[in-house]
């Protein structure tokens, strides 16, 4: 039985330039099914898209780049989820998480101001 492999990762230069992406757009760009993206959110702390009140996920370009990095580690480099977590943590993942969370908080506040 053959597992379906997602297509190769697009270059960051070929990514659409938008402020926010919905899960369907991320799915099309990355070649990953939405359920995989939702699962990865539970496994990788730095993959935490904003959620609207309706529950709709809003991903930033940085989220998209993080997803592509995880995809490369898992699909191209053959890491397990545990191995990919360790690899990412070794690159300063914990410090980056706090920076990302602070940035997301600021974005939430800006969105509320714009409403």
C-alpha atoms as a PDB file:
ATOM      1  CA  UNK A   1       0.000   0.000   0.000  1.00  0.00           C
ATOM      2  CA  UNK A   2       1.415   3.382  -1.001  1.00  0.00           C
ATOM      3  CA  UNK A   3       0.934   6.507   1.064  1.00  0.00           C
ATOM      4  CA  UNK A   4       0.136   9.630  -0.913  1.00  0.00           C
ATOM      5  CA  UNK A   5       3.017  12.078  -0.629  1.00  0.00           C
ATOM      6  CA  UNK A   6       2.229  15.807  -0.727  1.00  0.00           C
ATOM      7  CA  UNK A   7       3.826  17.721  -3.603  1.00  0.00           C
ATOM      8  CA  UNK A   8       7.206  19.368  -3.146  1.00  0.00           C
ATOM      9  CA  UNK A   9       7.376  22.472  -0.987  1.00  0.00           C
ATOM     10  CA  UNK A  10       6.999  25.752  -2.882  1.00  0.00           C
ATOM     11  CA  UNK A  11       9.791  28.289  -2.623  1.00  0.00           C
ATOM     12  CA  UNK A  12       9.118  31.160  -0.182  1.00  0.00           C
ATOM     13  CA  UNK A  13       9.486  33.514  -3.152  1.00  0.00           C
ATOM     14  CA  UNK A  14       6.512  31.853  -4.865  1.00  0.00           C
ATOM     15  CA  UNK A  15       4.128  32.136  -1.907  1.00  0.00           C
ATOM     16  CA  UNK A  16       1.133  34.458  -2.260  1.00  0.00           C
ATOM     17  CA  UNK A  17       1.686  37.738  -0.442  1.00  0.00           C
ATOM     18  CA  UNK A  18      -1.282  38.167   1.888  1.00  0.00           C
ATOM     19  CA  UNK A  19      -1.816  39.263   5.464  1.00  0.00           C
ATOM     20  CA  UNK A  20      -3.911  36.223   6.421  1.00  0.00           C
ATOM     21  CA  UNK A  21      -4.691  32.843   4.855  1.00  0.00           C
ATOM     22  CA  UNK A  22      -7.551  30.467   5.595  1.00  0.00           C
ATOM     23  CA  UNK A  23      -6.968  26.758   6.162  1.00  0.00           C
ATOM     24  CA  UNK A  24      -8.175  25.883   2.637  1.00  0.00           C
ATOM     25  CA  UNK A  25      -5.645  28.251   1.099  1.00  0.00           C
ATOM     26  CA  UNK A  26      -2.857  26.823   3.271  1.00  0.00           C
ATOM     27  CA  UNK A  27      -3.958  23.345   2.246  1.00  0.00           C
ATOM     28  CA  UNK A  28      -3.761  24.195  -1.464  1.00  0.00           C
ATOM     29  CA  UNK A  29      -0.387  25.940  -1.138  1.00  0.00           C
ATOM     30  CA  UNK A  30       1.254  23.188   0.923  1.00  0.00           C
ATOM     31  CA  UNK A  31      -0.466  20.160  -0.593  1.00  0.00           C
ATOM     32  CA  UNK A  32      -1.497  19.036   2.903  1.00  0.00           C
ATOM     33  CA  UNK A  33      -5.020  18.075   3.908  1.00  0.00           C
ATOM     34  CA  UNK A  34      -6.716  20.375   6.456  1.00  0.00           C
ATOM     35  CA  UNK A  35      -6.946  17.558   9.014  1.00  0.00           C
ATOM     36  CA  UNK A  36      -3.146  17.230   8.916  1.00  0.00           C
ATOM     37  CA  UNK A  37      -2.751  20.964   9.525  1.00  0.00           C
ATOM     38  CA  UNK A  38      -5.163  20.778  12.472  1.00  0.00           C
ATOM     39  CA  UNK A  39      -3.287  17.779  13.887  1.00  0.00           C
ATOM     40  CA  UNK A  40       0.066  19.512  13.573  1.00  0.00           C
ATOM     41  CA  UNK A  41      -1.353  22.394  15.637  1.00  0.00           C
ATOM     42  CA  UNK A  42      -1.661  19.931  18.533  1.00  0.00           C
ATOM     43  CA  UNK A  43       1.891  18.622  18.066  1.00  0.00           C
ATOM     44  CA  UNK A  44       3.940  21.724  17.250  1.00  0.00           C
ATOM     45  CA  UNK A  45       3.583  24.661  19.669  1.00  0.00           C
ATOM     46  CA  UNK A  46       4.704  27.222  17.090  1.00  0.00           C
ATOM     47  CA  UNK A  47       1.819  26.278  14.770  1.00  0.00           C
ATOM     48  CA  UNK A  48      -1.007  28.172  16.427  1.00  0.00           C
ATOM     49  CA  UNK A  49      -3.035  30.182  13.931  1.00  0.00           C
ATOM     50  CA  UNK A  50      -5.362  32.886  15.146  1.00  0.00           C
ATOM     51  CA  UNK A  51      -8.978  31.823  15.416  1.00  0.00           C
ATOM     52  CA  UNK A  52     -11.902  34.130  14.777  1.00  0.00           C
ATOM     53  CA  UNK A  53     -14.935  34.019  17.034  1.00  0.00           C
ATOM     54  CA  UNK A  54     -16.515  31.724  14.451  1.00  0.00           C
ATOM     55  CA  UNK A  55     -13.606  29.280  14.852  1.00  0.00           C
ATOM     56  CA  UNK A  56     -12.159  30.057  11.386  1.00  0.00           C
ATOM     57  CA  UNK A  57      -8.373  29.723  11.454  1.00  0.00           C
ATOM     58  CA  UNK A  58      -6.348  32.656  10.162  1.00  0.00           C
ATOM     59  CA  UNK A  59      -2.755  31.837   9.321  1.00  0.00           C
ATOM     60  CA  UNK A  60      -0.024  34.438   8.797  1.00  0.00           C
ATOM     61  CA  UNK A  61       2.817  34.173   6.308  1.00  0.00           C
ATOM     62  CA  UNK A  62       5.082  33.166   9.216  1.00  0.00           C
ATOM     63  CA  UNK A  63       2.624  30.358  10.088  1.00  0.00           C
ATOM     64  CA  UNK A  64       2.783  29.246   6.451  1.00  0.00           C
ATOM     65  CA  UNK A  65       6.588  29.265   6.496  1.00  0.00           C
ATOM     66  CA  UNK A  66       6.566  27.241   9.753  1.00  0.00           C
ATOM     67  CA  UNK A  67       4.191  24.688   8.200  1.00  0.00           C
ATOM     68  CA  UNK A  68       6.465  24.355   5.175  1.00  0.00           C
ATOM     69  CA  UNK A  69       9.448  23.849   7.488  1.00  0.00           C
ATOM     70  CA  UNK A  70       7.637  21.089   9.402  1.00  0.00           C
ATOM     71  CA  UNK A  71       6.559  19.491   6.126  1.00  0.00           C
ATOM     72  CA  UNK A  72      10.153  19.413   4.897  1.00  0.00           C
ATOM     73  CA  UNK A  73      11.367  17.827   8.130  1.00  0.00           C
ATOM     74  CA  UNK A  74       8.665  15.146   8.077  1.00  0.00           C
ATOM     75  CA  UNK A  75       8.271  14.357   4.382  1.00  0.00           C
ATOM     76  CA  UNK A  76      11.601  15.229   2.782  1.00  0.00           C
ATOM     77  CA  UNK A  77      14.059  14.627   5.612  1.00  0.00           C
ATOM     78  CA  UNK A  78      12.199  11.648   7.112  1.00  0.00           C
ATOM     79  CA  UNK A  79      11.978  12.913  10.690  1.00  0.00           C
ATOM     80  CA  UNK A  80       9.354  11.544  13.058  1.00  0.00           C
ATOM     81  CA  UNK A  81       7.093  14.074  14.748  1.00  0.00           C
ATOM     82  CA  UNK A  82       9.158  13.720  17.929  1.00  0.00           C
ATOM     83  CA  UNK A  83      12.383  14.167  15.973  1.00  0.00           C
ATOM     84  CA  UNK A  84      11.030  17.220  14.144  1.00  0.00           C
ATOM     85  CA  UNK A  85      10.006  18.773  17.472  1.00  0.00           C
ATOM     86  CA  UNK A  86      13.522  18.249  18.844  1.00  0.00           C
ATOM     87  CA  UNK A  87      15.099  19.667  15.694  1.00  0.00           C
ATOM     88  CA  UNK A  88      12.909  22.767  15.831  1.00  0.00           C
ATOM     89  CA  UNK A  89      13.483  23.196  19.559  1.00  0.00           C
ATOM     90  CA  UNK A  90      17.211  23.035  18.922  1.00  0.00           C
ATOM     91  CA  UNK A  91      16.848  26.077  16.665  1.00  0.00           C
ATOM     92  CA  UNK A  92      15.550  28.215  19.512  1.00  0.00           C
ATOM     93  CA  UNK A  93      11.973  27.004  19.274  1.00  0.00           C
ATOM     94  CA  UNK A  94      11.048  27.909  22.833  1.00  0.00           C
ATOM     95  CA  UNK A  95      12.263  31.501  22.540  1.00  0.00           C
ATOM     96  CA  UNK A  96      10.566  31.833  19.168  1.00  0.00           C
ATOM     97  CA  UNK A  97       7.298  30.573  20.678  1.00  0.00           C
ATOM     98  CA  UNK A  98       7.190  33.421  23.178  1.00  0.00           C
ATOM     99  CA  UNK A  99       7.946  35.967  20.452  1.00  0.00           C
ATOM    100  CA  UNK A 100       5.240  34.493  18.230  1.00  0.00           C
ATOM    101  CA  UNK A 101       2.697  34.525  21.048  1.00  0.00           C
ATOM    102  CA  UNK A 102       3.475  38.165  21.825  1.00  0.00           C
ATOM    103  CA  UNK A 103       3.105  39.089  18.148  1.00  0.00           C
ATOM    104  CA  UNK A 104      -0.205  37.234  17.914  1.00  0.00           C
ATOM    105  CA  UNK A 105      -1.468  39.090  20.985  1.00  0.00           C
ATOM    106  CA  UNK A 106      -0.594  42.408  19.350  1.00  0.00           C
ATOM    107  CA  UNK A 107      -2.318  41.363  16.127  1.00  0.00           C
ATOM    108  CA  UNK A 108      -5.460  40.389  18.082  1.00  0.00           C
ATOM    109  CA  UNK A 109      -5.477  43.803  19.716  1.00  0.00           C
ATOM    110  CA  UNK A 110      -5.057  45.543  16.362  1.00  0.00           C
ATOM    111  CA  UNK A 111      -7.887  43.517  14.838  1.00  0.00           C
ATOM    112  CA  UNK A 112     -10.159  44.493  17.724  1.00  0.00           C
ATOM    113  CA  UNK A 113      -9.258  48.165  17.214  1.00  0.00           C
ATOM    114  CA  UNK A 114     -10.099  47.941  13.523  1.00  0.00           C
ATOM    115  CA  UNK A 115     -13.547  46.462  14.149  1.00  0.00           C
END
